[in-house]
Amino acid sequence: MKKILTSDQTEELLKVLKTRFKKNMNRHKGLDWEKIQSKLEKNPEKLWSLNEMEETEGEPDVVNYDKNTDEYIFFDCSLESPKRRSLCYDYQAWEARKANKPESNVIDKASEMGFELLTEDQYRQLQELGKFDLKTSSWIKTPSNIRELGGAIFCDRRYNKVFLYHNGADSYYAARGFRGCLKV
């Protein structure tokens, strides 16, 4: 599968991203859209991934710039977990389910879409930019020592506080999705 957008798709996505960027300046103080757009135009595979995030209602937006790596960092910034839900954590958990297997798992889906899951620190950084996951929850990157014991972790925001929880990696819920991080 070719992971490149058409010129019309690219133009439309850049328009959406620019509008979101201008509307949410508190997420990226001091960053210049023209520089970001220039970098995006030089990385068509990253544009494809951003489009995947957009198509699943993730509302990707720039949340940081890493001077050391010269990368802009995009997170899914939709108020609720994006419309990629009802998925267990990884293939191993999916394979272990005896009945009622979900469509897929978050690790494979994120990989197919070309981005990483948010870490706990990144999720908390996102929550400093607004109030997210007030009705939903989002799987986050689970440390290997937890995953090896059969668990996986997820977060949400309730009672004006960010919570970190655990669940069996094979569990899945209609209100639990996952948020991505893409570096460009």
N, C-alpha and C. Protein backbone atom coordinates (compact mmCIF):
# COMPACT_ATOMS: atom_id res chain seq x y z
N MET A 1 0.84 -1.18 0.00
CA MET A 1 0.00 0.00 0.00
C MET A 1 0.89 1.25 0.00
N LYS A 2 0.63 2.14 -0.91
CA LYS A 2 1.39 3.37 -1.02
C LYS A 2 0.92 4.35 0.05
N LYS A 3 1.85 4.79 0.87
CA LYS A 3 1.51 5.66 1.99
C LYS A 3 1.86 7.11 1.67
N ILE A 4 1.28 7.58 0.55
CA ILE A 4 1.49 8.95 0.09
C ILE A 4 0.11 9.51 -0.28
N LEU A 5 -0.14 10.75 0.11
CA LEU A 5 -1.40 11.39 -0.23
C LEU A 5 -1.33 12.01 -1.63
N THR A 6 -2.48 12.17 -2.24
CA THR A 6 -2.53 12.90 -3.50
C THR A 6 -2.28 14.38 -3.21
N SER A 7 -2.02 15.16 -4.24
CA SER A 7 -1.78 16.60 -4.02
C SER A 7 -3.02 17.27 -3.44
N ASP A 8 -4.22 16.86 -3.88
CA ASP A 8 -5.45 17.43 -3.32
C ASP A 8 -5.61 17.07 -1.84
N GLN A 9 -5.33 15.81 -1.49
CA GLN A 9 -5.42 15.38 -0.10
C GLN A 9 -4.41 16.14 0.76
N THR A 10 -3.20 16.32 0.23
CA THR A 10 -2.15 17.04 0.96
C THR A 10 -2.58 18.47 1.21
N GLU A 11 -3.08 19.13 0.18
CA GLU A 11 -3.53 20.51 0.30
C GLU A 11 -4.63 20.64 1.34
N GLU A 12 -5.61 19.73 1.30
CA GLU A 12 -6.73 19.77 2.25
C GLU A 12 -6.25 19.51 3.67
N LEU A 13 -5.38 18.53 3.86
CA LEU A 13 -4.87 18.23 5.20
C LEU A 13 -4.07 19.41 5.76
N LEU A 14 -3.22 20.00 4.95
CA LEU A 14 -2.42 21.13 5.41
C LEU A 14 -3.32 22.30 5.82
N LYS A 15 -4.40 22.48 5.09
CA LYS A 15 -5.36 23.53 5.42
C LYS A 15 -6.00 23.26 6.79
N VAL A 16 -6.40 22.03 7.02
CA VAL A 16 -7.01 21.64 8.30
C VAL A 16 -6.01 21.82 9.44
N LEU A 17 -4.78 21.35 9.23
CA LEU A 17 -3.75 21.44 10.27
C LEU A 17 -3.41 22.89 10.58
N LYS A 18 -3.32 23.72 9.56
CA LYS A 18 -3.01 25.14 9.76
C LYS A 18 -4.12 25.82 10.56
N THR A 19 -5.36 25.55 10.20
CA THR A 19 -6.50 26.14 10.91
C THR A 19 -6.48 25.73 12.38
N ARG A 20 -6.23 24.45 12.65
CA ARG A 20 -6.17 23.95 14.03
C ARG A 20 -5.00 24.60 14.77
N PHE A 21 -3.87 24.72 14.09
CA PHE A 21 -2.68 25.33 14.67
C PHE A 21 -2.98 26.76 15.12
N LYS A 22 -3.60 27.54 14.24
CA LYS A 22 -3.91 28.95 14.54
C LYS A 22 -4.95 29.07 15.65
N LYS A 23 -5.89 28.13 15.69
CA LYS A 23 -6.98 28.16 16.68
C LYS A 23 -6.48 27.79 18.08
N ASN A 24 -5.39 27.04 18.17
CA ASN A 24 -4.91 26.51 19.45
C ASN A 24 -3.47 26.92 19.74
N MET A 25 -3.19 28.20 19.67
CA MET A 25 -1.82 28.70 19.83
C MET A 25 -1.23 28.38 21.21
N ASN A 26 -2.08 28.15 22.20
CA ASN A 26 -1.59 27.80 23.53
C ASN A 26 -0.85 26.46 23.54
N ARG A 27 -1.07 25.62 22.55
CA ARG A 27 -0.40 24.31 22.49
C ARG A 27 1.03 24.40 21.97
N HIS A 28 1.38 25.49 21.29
CA HIS A 28 2.67 25.56 20.61
C HIS A 28 3.21 26.98 20.55
N LYS A 29 3.27 27.61 21.68
CA LYS A 29 3.77 28.99 21.77
C LYS A 29 5.17 29.09 21.17
N GLY A 30 5.37 30.12 20.36
CA GLY A 30 6.68 30.38 19.79
C GLY A 30 7.01 29.59 18.54
N LEU A 31 6.13 28.71 18.10
CA LEU A 31 6.39 27.93 16.89
C LEU A 31 5.76 28.62 15.68
N ASP A 32 6.39 28.44 14.53
CA ASP A 32 5.99 29.10 13.29
C ASP A 32 5.39 28.08 12.32
N TRP A 33 4.13 28.30 11.93
CA TRP A 33 3.45 27.35 11.03
C TRP A 33 4.21 27.15 9.72
N GLU A 34 4.76 28.21 9.15
CA GLU A 34 5.44 28.10 7.86
C GLU A 34 6.59 27.10 7.92
N LYS A 35 7.34 27.10 9.00
CA LYS A 35 8.44 26.14 9.17
C LYS A 35 7.91 24.72 9.31
N ILE A 36 6.82 24.58 10.04
CA ILE A 36 6.21 23.26 10.22
C ILE A 36 5.70 22.74 8.89
N GLN A 37 4.99 23.58 8.15
CA GLN A 37 4.44 23.16 6.85
C GLN A 37 5.57 22.77 5.90
N SER A 38 6.64 23.53 5.89
CA SER A 38 7.78 23.21 5.02
C SER A 38 8.34 21.83 5.35
N LYS A 39 8.46 21.55 6.63
CA LYS A 39 8.98 20.24 7.06
C LYS A 39 8.00 19.13 6.67
N LEU A 40 6.71 19.38 6.85
CA LEU A 40 5.70 18.39 6.47
C LEU A 40 5.75 18.09 4.97
N GLU A 41 5.89 19.11 4.16
CA GLU A 41 5.91 18.93 2.71
C GLU A 41 7.12 18.11 2.26
N LYS A 42 8.18 18.10 3.05
CA LYS A 42 9.37 17.31 2.72
C LYS A 42 9.27 15.87 3.23
N ASN A 43 8.19 15.57 3.96
CA ASN A 43 8.00 14.24 4.56
C ASN A 43 6.61 13.70 4.24
N PRO A 44 6.38 13.29 2.99
CA PRO A 44 5.04 12.86 2.59
C PRO A 44 4.51 11.66 3.39
N GLU A 45 5.40 10.78 3.86
CA GLU A 45 4.94 9.63 4.64
C GLU A 45 4.40 10.08 6.00
N LYS A 46 4.95 11.17 6.54
CA LYS A 46 4.45 11.71 7.81
C LYS A 46 3.10 12.40 7.59
N LEU A 47 2.94 13.04 6.45
CA LEU A 47 1.64 13.62 6.10
C LEU A 47 0.58 12.53 6.01
N TRP A 48 0.97 11.39 5.42
CA TRP A 48 0.04 10.26 5.33
C TRP A 48 -0.40 9.82 6.72
N SER A 49 0.57 9.72 7.66
CA SER A 49 0.24 9.32 9.03
C SER A 49 -0.66 10.34 9.71
N LEU A 50 -0.36 11.62 9.51
CA LEU A 50 -1.22 12.66 10.08
C LEU A 50 -2.63 12.57 9.51
N ASN A 51 -2.73 12.23 8.24
CA ASN A 51 -4.05 12.06 7.63
C ASN A 51 -4.79 10.87 8.27
N GLU A 52 -4.07 9.80 8.56
CA GLU A 52 -4.68 8.65 9.25
C GLU A 52 -5.20 9.08 10.61
N MET A 53 -4.41 9.89 11.32
CA MET A 53 -4.85 10.39 12.62
C MET A 53 -6.11 11.24 12.45
N GLU A 54 -6.11 12.09 11.43
CA GLU A 54 -7.25 12.97 11.17
C GLU A 54 -8.49 12.17 10.78
N GLU A 55 -8.31 11.17 9.93
CA GLU A 55 -9.44 10.35 9.46
C GLU A 55 -10.13 9.61 10.60
N THR A 56 -9.39 9.31 11.66
CA THR A 56 -9.97 8.62 12.81
C THR A 56 -10.33 9.60 13.93
N GLU A 57 -10.48 10.87 13.54
CA GLU A 57 -10.92 11.95 14.43
C GLU A 57 -9.99 12.20 15.60
N GLY A 58 -8.68 12.03 15.36
CA GLY A 58 -7.69 12.29 16.39
C GLY A 58 -7.34 13.76 16.55
N GLU A 59 -7.66 14.56 15.52
CA GLU A 59 -7.37 15.99 15.53
C GLU A 59 -5.90 16.27 15.91
N PRO A 60 -4.96 15.76 15.11
CA PRO A 60 -3.54 15.96 15.44
C PRO A 60 -3.16 17.44 15.40
N ASP A 61 -2.29 17.80 16.34
CA ASP A 61 -1.80 19.18 16.42
C ASP A 61 -0.38 19.15 16.96
N VAL A 62 0.38 20.19 16.64
CA VAL A 62 1.74 20.33 17.13
C VAL A 62 1.69 20.69 18.61
N VAL A 63 2.43 19.96 19.44
CA VAL A 63 2.44 20.25 20.87
C VAL A 63 3.85 20.58 21.38
N ASN A 64 4.87 20.39 20.54
CA ASN A 64 6.22 20.65 21.00
C ASN A 64 7.19 20.64 19.82
N TYR A 65 8.39 21.13 20.09
CA TYR A 65 9.48 21.09 19.12
C TYR A 65 10.73 20.63 19.87
N ASP A 66 11.39 19.61 19.37
CA ASP A 66 12.62 19.10 19.97
C ASP A 66 13.81 19.68 19.22
N LYS A 67 14.50 20.63 19.85
CA LYS A 67 15.64 21.31 19.22
C LYS A 67 16.78 20.33 18.94
N ASN A 68 16.97 19.35 19.81
CA ASN A 68 18.07 18.40 19.65
C ASN A 68 17.94 17.54 18.40
N THR A 69 16.71 17.15 18.09
CA THR A 69 16.48 16.29 16.92
C THR A 69 15.88 17.05 15.75
N ASP A 70 15.57 18.34 15.96
CA ASP A 70 14.92 19.16 14.94
C ASP A 70 13.62 18.52 14.46
N GLU A 71 12.79 18.12 15.44
CA GLU A 71 11.52 17.47 15.11
C GLU A 71 10.36 18.20 15.78
N TYR A 72 9.29 18.36 15.02
CA TYR A 72 8.03 18.84 15.56
C TYR A 72 7.26 17.63 16.05
N ILE A 73 6.59 17.77 17.18
CA ILE A 73 5.89 16.65 17.80
C ILE A 73 4.39 16.92 17.75
N PHE A 74 3.68 15.99 17.14
CA PHE A 74 2.22 16.04 17.03
C PHE A 74 1.61 15.01 17.97
N PHE A 75 0.53 15.38 18.64
CA PHE A 75 -0.27 14.45 19.44
C PHE A 75 -1.69 14.49 18.90
N ASP A 76 -2.44 13.40 19.13
CA ASP A 76 -3.88 13.43 18.93
C ASP A 76 -4.44 14.37 20.00
N CYS A 77 -5.14 15.41 19.58
CA CYS A 77 -5.66 16.41 20.52
C CYS A 77 -7.19 16.46 20.54
N SER A 78 -7.85 15.42 20.08
CA SER A 78 -9.31 15.39 20.16
C SER A 78 -9.72 15.37 21.63
N LEU A 79 -10.84 16.01 21.95
CA LEU A 79 -11.27 16.08 23.34
C LEU A 79 -11.46 14.69 23.95
N GLU A 80 -12.04 13.79 23.19
CA GLU A 80 -12.21 12.40 23.65
C GLU A 80 -11.30 11.50 22.82
N SER A 81 -11.06 10.32 23.33
CA SER A 81 -10.17 9.38 22.65
C SER A 81 -10.62 9.20 21.20
N PRO A 82 -9.68 9.21 20.25
CA PRO A 82 -10.06 9.10 18.84
C PRO A 82 -10.91 7.88 18.52
N LYS A 83 -11.54 7.90 17.35
CA LYS A 83 -12.45 6.84 16.92
C LYS A 83 -11.69 5.61 16.44
N ARG A 84 -10.76 5.16 17.25
CA ARG A 84 -10.07 3.88 17.05
C ARG A 84 -10.12 3.19 18.39
N ARG A 85 -11.27 2.57 18.63
CA ARG A 85 -11.58 2.01 19.95
C ARG A 85 -11.93 0.54 19.85
N SER A 86 -12.28 -0.01 21.01
CA SER A 86 -12.64 -1.43 21.12
C SER A 86 -11.53 -2.33 20.60
N LEU A 87 -10.31 -2.03 21.03
CA LEU A 87 -9.13 -2.79 20.63
C LEU A 87 -8.38 -3.21 21.88
N CYS A 88 -7.90 -4.46 21.91
CA CYS A 88 -7.05 -4.85 23.02
C CYS A 88 -5.65 -4.25 22.81
N TYR A 89 -4.76 -4.46 23.76
CA TYR A 89 -3.50 -3.73 23.74
C TYR A 89 -2.54 -4.14 22.63
N ASP A 90 -2.23 -5.42 22.51
CA ASP A 90 -1.26 -5.85 21.50
C ASP A 90 -1.66 -7.19 20.89
N TYR A 91 -0.88 -7.64 19.92
CA TYR A 91 -1.20 -8.88 19.20
C TYR A 91 -1.23 -10.07 20.15
N GLN A 92 -0.28 -10.14 21.05
CA GLN A 92 -0.22 -11.25 22.00
C GLN A 92 -1.52 -11.34 22.80
N ALA A 93 -2.02 -10.20 23.26
CA ALA A 93 -3.28 -10.16 24.01
C ALA A 93 -4.45 -10.54 23.11
N TRP A 94 -4.44 -10.04 21.89
CA TRP A 94 -5.50 -10.35 20.93
C TRP A 94 -5.52 -11.85 20.64
N GLU A 95 -4.36 -12.40 20.40
CA GLU A 95 -4.24 -13.84 20.09
C GLU A 95 -4.69 -14.70 21.26
N ALA A 96 -4.47 -14.25 22.48
CA ALA A 96 -4.81 -15.02 23.68
C ALA A 96 -6.32 -15.06 23.95
N ARG A 97 -7.06 -14.13 23.37
CA ARG A 97 -8.51 -14.13 23.61
C ARG A 97 -9.14 -15.37 23.01
N LYS A 98 -9.94 -16.05 23.80
CA LYS A 98 -10.61 -17.26 23.32
C LYS A 98 -11.89 -16.94 22.56
N ALA A 99 -12.59 -15.91 23.01
CA ALA A 99 -13.88 -15.55 22.39
C ALA A 99 -13.98 -14.03 22.28
N ASN A 100 -14.87 -13.59 21.40
CA ASN A 100 -15.16 -12.16 21.23
C ASN A 100 -13.91 -11.32 20.97
N LYS A 101 -13.10 -11.80 20.04
CA LYS A 101 -11.90 -11.05 19.70
C LYS A 101 -12.28 -9.73 19.04
N PRO A 102 -11.60 -8.66 19.44
CA PRO A 102 -11.86 -7.38 18.77
C PRO A 102 -11.25 -7.41 17.36
N GLU A 103 -11.51 -6.37 16.62
CA GLU A 103 -11.02 -6.26 15.24
C GLU A 103 -9.49 -6.35 15.18
N SER A 104 -8.82 -5.71 16.13
CA SER A 104 -7.36 -5.66 16.09
C SER A 104 -6.84 -5.24 17.46
N ASN A 105 -5.64 -4.66 17.48
CA ASN A 105 -5.04 -4.21 18.72
C ASN A 105 -4.35 -2.86 18.50
N VAL A 106 -4.11 -2.14 19.58
CA VAL A 106 -3.60 -0.77 19.45
C VAL A 106 -2.16 -0.71 18.94
N ILE A 107 -1.32 -1.62 19.35
CA ILE A 107 0.08 -1.58 18.91
C ILE A 107 0.17 -1.76 17.40
N ASP A 108 -0.52 -2.76 16.86
CA ASP A 108 -0.50 -2.97 15.41
C ASP A 108 -1.16 -1.83 14.66
N LYS A 109 -2.27 -1.33 15.17
CA LYS A 109 -2.97 -0.21 14.51
C LYS A 109 -2.08 1.02 14.45
N ALA A 110 -1.44 1.35 15.56
CA ALA A 110 -0.56 2.53 15.58
C ALA A 110 0.59 2.34 14.60
N SER A 111 1.14 1.16 14.56
CA SER A 111 2.24 0.87 13.63
C SER A 111 1.77 1.00 12.17
N GLU A 112 0.60 0.45 11.87
CA GLU A 112 0.04 0.55 10.52
C GLU A 112 -0.18 2.01 10.13
N MET A 113 -0.55 2.84 11.11
CA MET A 113 -0.83 4.24 10.85
C MET A 113 0.44 5.10 10.88
N GLY A 114 1.54 4.52 11.33
CA GLY A 114 2.83 5.20 11.27
C GLY A 114 3.18 6.11 12.43
N PHE A 115 2.64 5.83 13.61
CA PHE A 115 2.98 6.62 14.78
C PHE A 115 3.08 5.74 16.02
N GLU A 116 3.51 6.34 17.12
CA GLU A 116 3.68 5.66 18.40
C GLU A 116 2.52 6.01 19.34
N LEU A 117 2.27 5.14 20.31
CA LEU A 117 1.33 5.48 21.38
C LEU A 117 1.97 6.52 22.28
N LEU A 118 1.13 7.35 22.90
CA LEU A 118 1.64 8.29 23.90
C LEU A 118 2.18 7.51 25.10
N THR A 119 3.24 8.02 25.67
CA THR A 119 3.74 7.49 26.94
C THR A 119 2.95 8.15 28.06
N GLU A 120 3.16 7.69 29.29
CA GLU A 120 2.48 8.33 30.42
C GLU A 120 2.89 9.80 30.52
N ASP A 121 4.18 10.08 30.38
CA ASP A 121 4.63 11.48 30.46
C ASP A 121 4.01 12.33 29.36
N GLN A 122 3.93 11.79 28.15
CA GLN A 122 3.32 12.54 27.04
C GLN A 122 1.83 12.76 27.30
N TYR A 123 1.16 11.75 27.84
CA TYR A 123 -0.27 11.89 28.14
C TYR A 123 -0.47 13.01 29.17
N ARG A 124 0.37 13.05 30.18
CA ARG A 124 0.26 14.10 31.20
C ARG A 124 0.59 15.47 30.60
N GLN A 125 1.54 15.52 29.66
CA GLN A 125 1.85 16.76 28.95
C GLN A 125 0.63 17.24 28.17
N LEU A 126 -0.04 16.30 27.48
CA LEU A 126 -1.26 16.65 26.75
C LEU A 126 -2.29 17.25 27.69
N GLN A 127 -2.47 16.66 28.85
CA GLN A 127 -3.48 17.12 29.79
C GLN A 127 -3.17 18.51 30.35
N GLU A 128 -1.92 18.95 30.25
CA GLU A 128 -1.57 20.31 30.66
C GLU A 128 -2.05 21.33 29.63
N LEU A 129 -2.38 20.87 28.42
CA LEU A 129 -2.83 21.75 27.34
C LEU A 129 -4.34 21.91 27.29
N GLY A 130 -5.06 21.12 28.06
CA GLY A 130 -6.52 21.16 28.05
C GLY A 130 -7.07 20.03 28.89
N LYS A 131 -8.36 19.79 28.74
CA LYS A 131 -9.03 18.71 29.47
C LYS A 131 -9.48 17.67 28.46
N PHE A 132 -8.81 16.54 28.46
CA PHE A 132 -9.04 15.49 27.48
C PHE A 132 -9.52 14.21 28.18
N ASP A 133 -10.26 13.39 27.44
CA ASP A 133 -10.76 12.10 27.95
C ASP A 133 -11.59 12.26 29.21
N LEU A 134 -12.57 13.14 29.15
CA LEU A 134 -13.48 13.31 30.29
C LEU A 134 -14.55 12.21 30.31
N LYS A 135 -14.82 11.60 29.16
CA LYS A 135 -15.82 10.53 29.07
C LYS A 135 -15.22 9.23 28.56
N THR A 136 -14.03 9.29 27.99
CA THR A 136 -13.37 8.11 27.41
C THR A 136 -12.05 7.90 28.15
N SER A 137 -11.33 6.88 27.73
CA SER A 137 -9.98 6.63 28.25
C SER A 137 -9.10 6.24 27.07
N SER A 138 -7.79 6.30 27.28
CA SER A 138 -6.84 6.00 26.19
C SER A 138 -5.73 5.07 26.68
N TRP A 139 -5.55 3.96 25.94
CA TRP A 139 -4.40 3.11 26.19
C TRP A 139 -3.15 3.96 25.99
N ILE A 140 -2.12 3.74 26.79
CA ILE A 140 -0.83 4.39 26.59
C ILE A 140 0.26 3.32 26.54
N LYS A 141 1.45 3.72 26.13
CA LYS A 141 2.55 2.78 26.01
C LYS A 141 2.84 2.16 27.38
N THR A 142 2.78 0.85 27.41
CA THR A 142 2.93 0.12 28.66
C THR A 142 4.37 -0.33 28.84
N PRO A 143 4.95 -0.07 30.00
CA PRO A 143 6.31 -0.56 30.26
C PRO A 143 6.37 -2.09 30.16
N SER A 144 7.49 -2.60 29.66
CA SER A 144 7.61 -4.04 29.40
C SER A 144 7.43 -4.88 30.67
N ASN A 145 7.87 -4.38 31.83
CA ASN A 145 7.72 -5.19 33.05
C ASN A 145 6.26 -5.38 33.43
N ILE A 146 5.39 -4.44 33.10
CA ILE A 146 3.95 -4.60 33.34
C ILE A 146 3.36 -5.52 32.28
N ARG A 147 3.76 -5.29 31.03
CA ARG A 147 3.21 -6.09 29.93
C ARG A 147 3.57 -7.56 30.07
N GLU A 148 4.79 -7.85 30.54
CA GLU A 148 5.22 -9.24 30.72
C GLU A 148 4.37 -9.99 31.74
N LEU A 149 3.72 -9.26 32.63
CA LEU A 149 2.85 -9.88 33.63
C LEU A 149 1.39 -9.94 33.17
N GLY A 150 1.15 -9.56 31.90
CA GLY A 150 -0.20 -9.66 31.34
C GLY A 150 -1.01 -8.38 31.39
N GLY A 151 -0.45 -7.32 31.94
CA GLY A 151 -1.20 -6.08 32.08
C GLY A 151 -0.88 -5.06 31.01
N ALA A 152 -1.67 -4.02 30.99
CA ALA A 152 -1.46 -2.86 30.13
C ALA A 152 -2.06 -1.66 30.87
N ILE A 153 -1.61 -0.46 30.52
CA ILE A 153 -2.08 0.71 31.25
C ILE A 153 -2.82 1.69 30.33
N PHE A 154 -3.70 2.46 30.95
CA PHE A 154 -4.46 3.47 30.24
C PHE A 154 -4.71 4.64 31.18
N CYS A 155 -5.10 5.75 30.60
CA CYS A 155 -5.34 6.97 31.39
C CYS A 155 -6.65 7.63 30.98
N ASP A 156 -7.12 8.49 31.87
CA ASP A 156 -8.23 9.38 31.56
C ASP A 156 -8.18 10.55 32.53
N ARG A 157 -9.15 11.43 32.40
CA ARG A 157 -9.25 12.58 33.31
C ARG A 157 -10.63 12.56 33.94
N ARG A 158 -10.67 12.49 35.25
CA ARG A 158 -11.91 12.53 36.01
C ARG A 158 -11.69 13.42 37.23
N TYR A 159 -12.74 14.09 37.67
CA TYR A 159 -12.66 14.90 38.89
C TYR A 159 -11.50 15.90 38.83
N ASN A 160 -11.24 16.39 37.61
CA ASN A 160 -10.19 17.38 37.37
C ASN A 160 -8.79 16.85 37.71
N LYS A 161 -8.61 15.54 37.57
CA LYS A 161 -7.32 14.90 37.85
C LYS A 161 -7.06 13.83 36.79
N VAL A 162 -5.79 13.68 36.42
CA VAL A 162 -5.40 12.65 35.46
C VAL A 162 -5.13 11.36 36.22
N PHE A 163 -5.77 10.27 35.80
CA PHE A 163 -5.60 8.98 36.45
C PHE A 163 -4.90 7.99 35.53
N LEU A 164 -4.07 7.16 36.11
CA LEU A 164 -3.41 6.05 35.44
C LEU A 164 -3.99 4.77 36.02
N TYR A 165 -4.43 3.86 35.13
CA TYR A 165 -5.04 2.61 35.56
C TYR A 165 -4.34 1.43 34.88
N HIS A 166 -4.73 0.25 35.32
CA HIS A 166 -4.23 -0.98 34.68
C HIS A 166 -5.43 -1.86 34.32
N ASN A 167 -5.19 -2.73 33.38
CA ASN A 167 -6.21 -3.69 32.95
C ASN A 167 -5.47 -4.85 32.32
N GLY A 168 -6.15 -5.98 32.17
CA GLY A 168 -5.56 -7.05 31.39
C GLY A 168 -5.39 -6.55 29.96
N ALA A 169 -4.28 -6.86 29.34
CA ALA A 169 -4.00 -6.37 27.98
C ALA A 169 -5.01 -6.88 26.96
N ASP A 170 -5.71 -7.97 27.30
CA ASP A 170 -6.68 -8.52 26.35
C ASP A 170 -8.06 -7.87 26.48
N SER A 171 -8.22 -6.94 27.41
CA SER A 171 -9.52 -6.29 27.57
C SER A 171 -9.71 -5.22 26.49
N TYR A 172 -10.95 -4.89 26.24
CA TYR A 172 -11.25 -3.80 25.31
C TYR A 172 -12.63 -3.26 25.62
N TYR A 173 -12.80 -1.96 25.35
CA TYR A 173 -14.04 -1.28 25.70
C TYR A 173 -14.38 -0.27 24.61
N ALA A 174 -15.65 -0.03 24.42
CA ALA A 174 -16.11 0.91 23.40
C ALA A 174 -15.66 2.34 23.69
N ALA A 175 -15.41 2.65 24.94
CA ALA A 175 -15.00 4.01 25.30
C ALA A 175 -13.49 4.13 25.50
N ARG A 176 -12.72 3.09 25.15
CA ARG A 176 -11.26 3.18 25.29
C ARG A 176 -10.60 3.06 23.93
N GLY A 177 -9.87 4.10 23.57
CA GLY A 177 -9.11 4.11 22.34
C GLY A 177 -7.64 4.28 22.62
N PHE A 178 -6.95 4.96 21.72
CA PHE A 178 -5.55 5.27 21.96
C PHE A 178 -5.19 6.54 21.24
N ARG A 179 -4.22 7.24 21.81
CA ARG A 179 -3.74 8.50 21.27
C ARG A 179 -2.33 8.30 20.75
N GLY A 180 -2.02 9.00 19.66
CA GLY A 180 -0.73 8.84 19.04
C GLY A 180 0.18 10.04 19.16
N CYS A 181 1.47 9.75 18.93
CA CYS A 181 2.53 10.75 18.89
C CYS A 181 3.27 10.55 17.57
N LEU A 182 3.45 11.62 16.83
CA LEU A 182 4.17 11.57 15.56
C LEU A 182 5.23 12.66 15.56
N LYS A 183 6.45 12.28 15.26
CA LYS A 183 7.56 13.24 15.19
C LYS A 183 7.92 13.49 13.75
N VAL A 184 8.00 14.77 13.38
CA VAL A 184 8.29 15.16 11.99
C VAL A 184 9.51 16.07 11.98
